[in-house]
Amino acid sequence: MLNGPAPYTGRTFVREGRLRIGHPEALQNTPALELSEGAVLDVTPVPGFTWAGTRTLSGLGRVEGGLTLQNGGILAPGLTN
């Protein structure tokens, strides 16, 4: 579980399993997050989790919990690198 801002500034890849978010700013420093097939981004511990700014959320995985995509954010289901 990420309980505070991640200590890195690069892209985040969740290849398998579950990345559980426990803090509203846990992913604030990542410009993009990609979920591989079967991977889960779990934002249930943070009601109203917001994906802010001009960042990309992509992949074949799934999101559990409520996620708000702010103006400028990119949601790209199916897009993988």
N, C-alpha and C. Protein backbone atom coordinates (compact mmCIF):
# COMPACT_ATOMS: atom_id res chain seq x y z
N MET A 1 0.85 -1.18 0.00
CA MET A 1 0.00 0.00 0.00
C MET A 1 0.89 1.23 0.00
N LEU A 2 0.55 2.19 -0.84
CA LEU A 2 1.24 3.48 -0.85
C LEU A 2 0.51 4.41 0.10
N ASN A 3 1.14 4.73 1.24
CA ASN A 3 0.50 5.56 2.25
C ASN A 3 0.98 7.01 2.24
N GLY A 4 1.76 7.37 1.24
CA GLY A 4 2.24 8.73 1.08
C GLY A 4 2.71 8.90 -0.34
N PRO A 5 3.17 10.10 -0.71
CA PRO A 5 3.64 10.31 -2.08
C PRO A 5 4.78 9.35 -2.42
N ALA A 6 4.70 8.76 -3.62
CA ALA A 6 5.75 7.85 -4.08
C ALA A 6 7.06 8.64 -4.21
N PRO A 7 8.19 8.04 -3.86
CA PRO A 7 9.47 8.74 -3.85
C PRO A 7 10.15 8.83 -5.22
N TYR A 8 9.44 8.59 -6.30
CA TYR A 8 10.02 8.64 -7.64
C TYR A 8 9.15 9.52 -8.54
N THR A 9 9.68 9.87 -9.71
CA THR A 9 8.95 10.76 -10.62
C THR A 9 8.69 10.14 -11.98
N GLY A 10 9.03 8.91 -12.19
CA GLY A 10 8.82 8.27 -13.49
C GLY A 10 7.45 7.61 -13.62
N ARG A 11 7.27 6.93 -14.74
CA ARG A 11 6.03 6.18 -14.99
C ARG A 11 5.88 5.06 -13.98
N THR A 12 4.63 4.66 -13.75
CA THR A 12 4.33 3.54 -12.86
C THR A 12 3.71 2.43 -13.67
N PHE A 13 4.26 1.22 -13.53
CA PHE A 13 3.74 0.05 -14.22
C PHE A 13 3.29 -0.96 -13.16
N VAL A 14 2.06 -1.42 -13.27
CA VAL A 14 1.58 -2.50 -12.41
C VAL A 14 1.42 -3.70 -13.32
N ARG A 15 2.38 -4.61 -13.26
CA ARG A 15 2.42 -5.76 -14.18
C ARG A 15 1.52 -6.90 -13.71
N GLU A 16 1.40 -7.05 -12.40
CA GLU A 16 0.54 -8.11 -11.85
C GLU A 16 0.16 -7.74 -10.43
N GLY A 17 -0.87 -8.38 -9.95
CA GLY A 17 -1.28 -8.13 -8.57
C GLY A 17 -2.06 -6.84 -8.41
N ARG A 18 -1.90 -6.25 -7.24
CA ARG A 18 -2.72 -5.11 -6.84
C ARG A 18 -1.82 -4.01 -6.27
N LEU A 19 -2.02 -2.80 -6.74
CA LEU A 19 -1.40 -1.62 -6.15
C LEU A 19 -2.50 -0.89 -5.39
N ARG A 20 -2.38 -0.90 -4.06
CA ARG A 20 -3.42 -0.29 -3.22
C ARG A 20 -2.95 1.09 -2.78
N ILE A 21 -3.80 2.07 -3.00
CA ILE A 21 -3.48 3.46 -2.69
C ILE A 21 -4.11 3.83 -1.36
N GLY A 22 -3.29 4.36 -0.43
CA GLY A 22 -3.79 4.73 0.88
C GLY A 22 -3.64 6.21 1.18
N HIS A 23 -3.24 6.99 0.18
CA HIS A 23 -3.03 8.43 0.38
C HIS A 23 -3.43 9.15 -0.91
N PRO A 24 -4.14 10.29 -0.81
CA PRO A 24 -4.62 10.98 -2.01
C PRO A 24 -3.51 11.44 -2.96
N GLU A 25 -2.30 11.63 -2.45
CA GLU A 25 -1.20 12.11 -3.30
C GLU A 25 -0.17 11.02 -3.60
N ALA A 26 -0.55 9.78 -3.41
CA ALA A 26 0.39 8.67 -3.58
C ALA A 26 1.03 8.61 -4.96
N LEU A 27 0.30 8.98 -5.99
CA LEU A 27 0.82 8.91 -7.36
C LEU A 27 1.00 10.27 -8.00
N GLN A 28 1.10 11.32 -7.20
CA GLN A 28 1.16 12.67 -7.74
C GLN A 28 2.39 12.94 -8.60
N ASN A 29 3.47 12.19 -8.39
CA ASN A 29 4.72 12.44 -9.13
C ASN A 29 4.89 11.57 -10.35
N THR A 30 3.92 10.74 -10.67
CA THR A 30 4.05 9.88 -11.83
C THR A 30 3.24 10.44 -13.00
N PRO A 31 3.86 10.60 -14.17
CA PRO A 31 3.14 11.17 -15.32
C PRO A 31 2.19 10.18 -15.98
N ALA A 32 2.39 8.88 -15.71
CA ALA A 32 1.56 7.88 -16.36
C ALA A 32 1.55 6.61 -15.51
N LEU A 33 0.42 5.92 -15.57
CA LEU A 33 0.27 4.65 -14.88
C LEU A 33 -0.33 3.66 -15.86
N GLU A 34 0.33 2.52 -15.99
CA GLU A 34 -0.16 1.48 -16.90
C GLU A 34 -0.45 0.21 -16.11
N LEU A 35 -1.64 -0.35 -16.33
CA LEU A 35 -2.08 -1.58 -15.68
C LEU A 35 -2.08 -2.71 -16.69
N SER A 36 -1.27 -3.73 -16.44
CA SER A 36 -1.28 -4.90 -17.33
C SER A 36 -2.55 -5.70 -17.11
N GLU A 37 -2.84 -6.58 -18.06
CA GLU A 37 -4.04 -7.42 -17.95
C GLU A 37 -4.02 -8.19 -16.64
N GLY A 38 -5.10 -8.11 -15.88
CA GLY A 38 -5.21 -8.78 -14.60
C GLY A 38 -4.73 -7.96 -13.41
N ALA A 39 -4.01 -6.89 -13.66
CA ALA A 39 -3.51 -6.03 -12.57
C ALA A 39 -4.63 -5.10 -12.09
N VAL A 40 -4.53 -4.66 -10.82
CA VAL A 40 -5.57 -3.84 -10.21
C VAL A 40 -4.97 -2.60 -9.57
N LEU A 41 -5.57 -1.46 -9.83
CA LEU A 41 -5.30 -0.24 -9.08
C LEU A 41 -6.45 -0.09 -8.11
N ASP A 42 -6.15 -0.25 -6.83
CA ASP A 42 -7.18 -0.24 -5.79
C ASP A 42 -7.15 1.10 -5.06
N VAL A 43 -8.14 1.94 -5.31
CA VAL A 43 -8.22 3.25 -4.66
C VAL A 43 -9.34 3.29 -3.62
N THR A 44 -9.86 2.13 -3.22
CA THR A 44 -10.97 2.11 -2.26
C THR A 44 -10.64 2.78 -0.92
N PRO A 45 -9.37 2.75 -0.43
CA PRO A 45 -9.09 3.42 0.84
C PRO A 45 -9.13 4.95 0.76
N VAL A 46 -9.17 5.51 -0.45
CA VAL A 46 -9.16 6.97 -0.62
C VAL A 46 -10.44 7.38 -1.35
N PRO A 47 -11.51 7.66 -0.61
CA PRO A 47 -12.76 8.08 -1.27
C PRO A 47 -12.53 9.32 -2.14
N GLY A 48 -13.02 9.27 -3.37
CA GLY A 48 -12.87 10.41 -4.27
C GLY A 48 -11.46 10.58 -4.80
N PHE A 49 -10.71 9.49 -4.93
CA PHE A 49 -9.34 9.59 -5.46
C PHE A 49 -9.37 10.30 -6.82
N THR A 50 -8.48 11.26 -6.99
CA THR A 50 -8.46 12.08 -8.21
C THR A 50 -7.17 11.86 -8.98
N TRP A 51 -7.32 11.58 -10.26
CA TRP A 51 -6.19 11.49 -11.20
C TRP A 51 -6.11 12.87 -11.84
N ALA A 52 -5.20 13.70 -11.34
CA ALA A 52 -5.16 15.12 -11.68
C ALA A 52 -4.12 15.43 -12.75
N GLY A 53 -4.33 16.55 -13.42
CA GLY A 53 -3.36 17.05 -14.39
C GLY A 53 -3.39 16.30 -15.70
N THR A 54 -2.40 16.58 -16.52
CA THR A 54 -2.31 15.98 -17.85
C THR A 54 -1.49 14.70 -17.78
N ARG A 55 -2.04 13.73 -17.08
CA ARG A 55 -1.38 12.44 -16.92
C ARG A 55 -2.24 11.35 -17.54
N THR A 56 -1.62 10.21 -17.80
CA THR A 56 -2.29 9.12 -18.50
C THR A 56 -2.48 7.91 -17.60
N LEU A 57 -3.68 7.37 -17.61
CA LEU A 57 -4.00 6.10 -16.96
C LEU A 57 -4.40 5.15 -18.08
N SER A 58 -3.62 4.06 -18.25
CA SER A 58 -3.84 3.19 -19.40
C SER A 58 -3.68 1.73 -19.04
N GLY A 59 -4.01 0.89 -20.01
CA GLY A 59 -3.75 -0.53 -19.88
C GLY A 59 -4.98 -1.41 -19.97
N LEU A 60 -4.77 -2.67 -19.61
CA LEU A 60 -5.79 -3.70 -19.71
C LEU A 60 -6.29 -4.17 -18.35
N GLY A 61 -5.75 -3.58 -17.27
CA GLY A 61 -6.17 -3.94 -15.92
C GLY A 61 -7.45 -3.23 -15.53
N ARG A 62 -7.71 -3.19 -14.22
CA ARG A 62 -8.94 -2.54 -13.77
C ARG A 62 -8.67 -1.66 -12.56
N VAL A 63 -9.60 -0.74 -12.33
CA VAL A 63 -9.56 0.14 -11.18
C VAL A 63 -10.69 -0.26 -10.24
N GLU A 64 -10.37 -0.40 -8.95
CA GLU A 64 -11.40 -0.68 -7.95
C GLU A 64 -11.53 0.55 -7.06
N GLY A 65 -12.76 0.97 -6.84
CA GLY A 65 -13.02 2.17 -6.05
C GLY A 65 -13.36 3.34 -6.95
N GLY A 66 -13.67 4.45 -6.34
CA GLY A 66 -14.05 5.64 -7.10
C GLY A 66 -12.85 6.45 -7.52
N LEU A 67 -12.76 6.73 -8.80
CA LEU A 67 -11.66 7.52 -9.34
C LEU A 67 -12.24 8.64 -10.18
N THR A 68 -11.78 9.86 -9.95
CA THR A 68 -12.20 11.01 -10.74
C THR A 68 -11.05 11.41 -11.65
N LEU A 69 -11.34 11.55 -12.92
CA LEU A 69 -10.36 11.98 -13.90
C LEU A 69 -10.56 13.47 -14.11
N GLN A 70 -9.57 14.28 -13.71
CA GLN A 70 -9.69 15.73 -13.85
C GLN A 70 -9.48 16.17 -15.29
N ASN A 71 -9.95 17.37 -15.59
CA ASN A 71 -9.79 17.97 -16.91
C ASN A 71 -8.33 17.90 -17.34
N GLY A 72 -8.08 17.39 -18.52
CA GLY A 72 -6.73 17.25 -19.04
C GLY A 72 -6.15 15.86 -18.85
N GLY A 73 -6.73 15.09 -17.93
CA GLY A 73 -6.27 13.72 -17.71
C GLY A 73 -6.66 12.83 -18.87
N ILE A 74 -5.86 11.81 -19.12
CA ILE A 74 -6.11 10.91 -20.25
C ILE A 74 -6.39 9.51 -19.73
N LEU A 75 -7.51 8.97 -20.13
CA LEU A 75 -7.89 7.59 -19.82
C LEU A 75 -7.78 6.81 -21.13
N ALA A 76 -6.90 5.82 -21.16
CA ALA A 76 -6.63 5.09 -22.40
C ALA A 76 -6.75 3.58 -22.16
N PRO A 77 -7.98 3.08 -22.02
CA PRO A 77 -8.15 1.64 -21.82
C PRO A 77 -7.63 0.86 -23.02
N GLY A 78 -6.88 -0.19 -22.74
CA GLY A 78 -6.36 -1.03 -23.81
C GLY A 78 -4.99 -0.60 -24.32
N LEU A 79 -4.59 0.64 -24.06
CA LEU A 79 -3.29 1.14 -24.54
C LEU A 79 -2.20 0.61 -23.63
N THR A 80 -1.19 -0.06 -24.21
CA THR A 80 -0.05 -0.57 -23.46
C THR A 80 1.24 -0.25 -24.18
N ASN A 81 2.32 -0.25 -23.44
CA ASN A 81 3.66 -0.03 -24.02
C ASN A 81 4.49 -1.28 -23.89
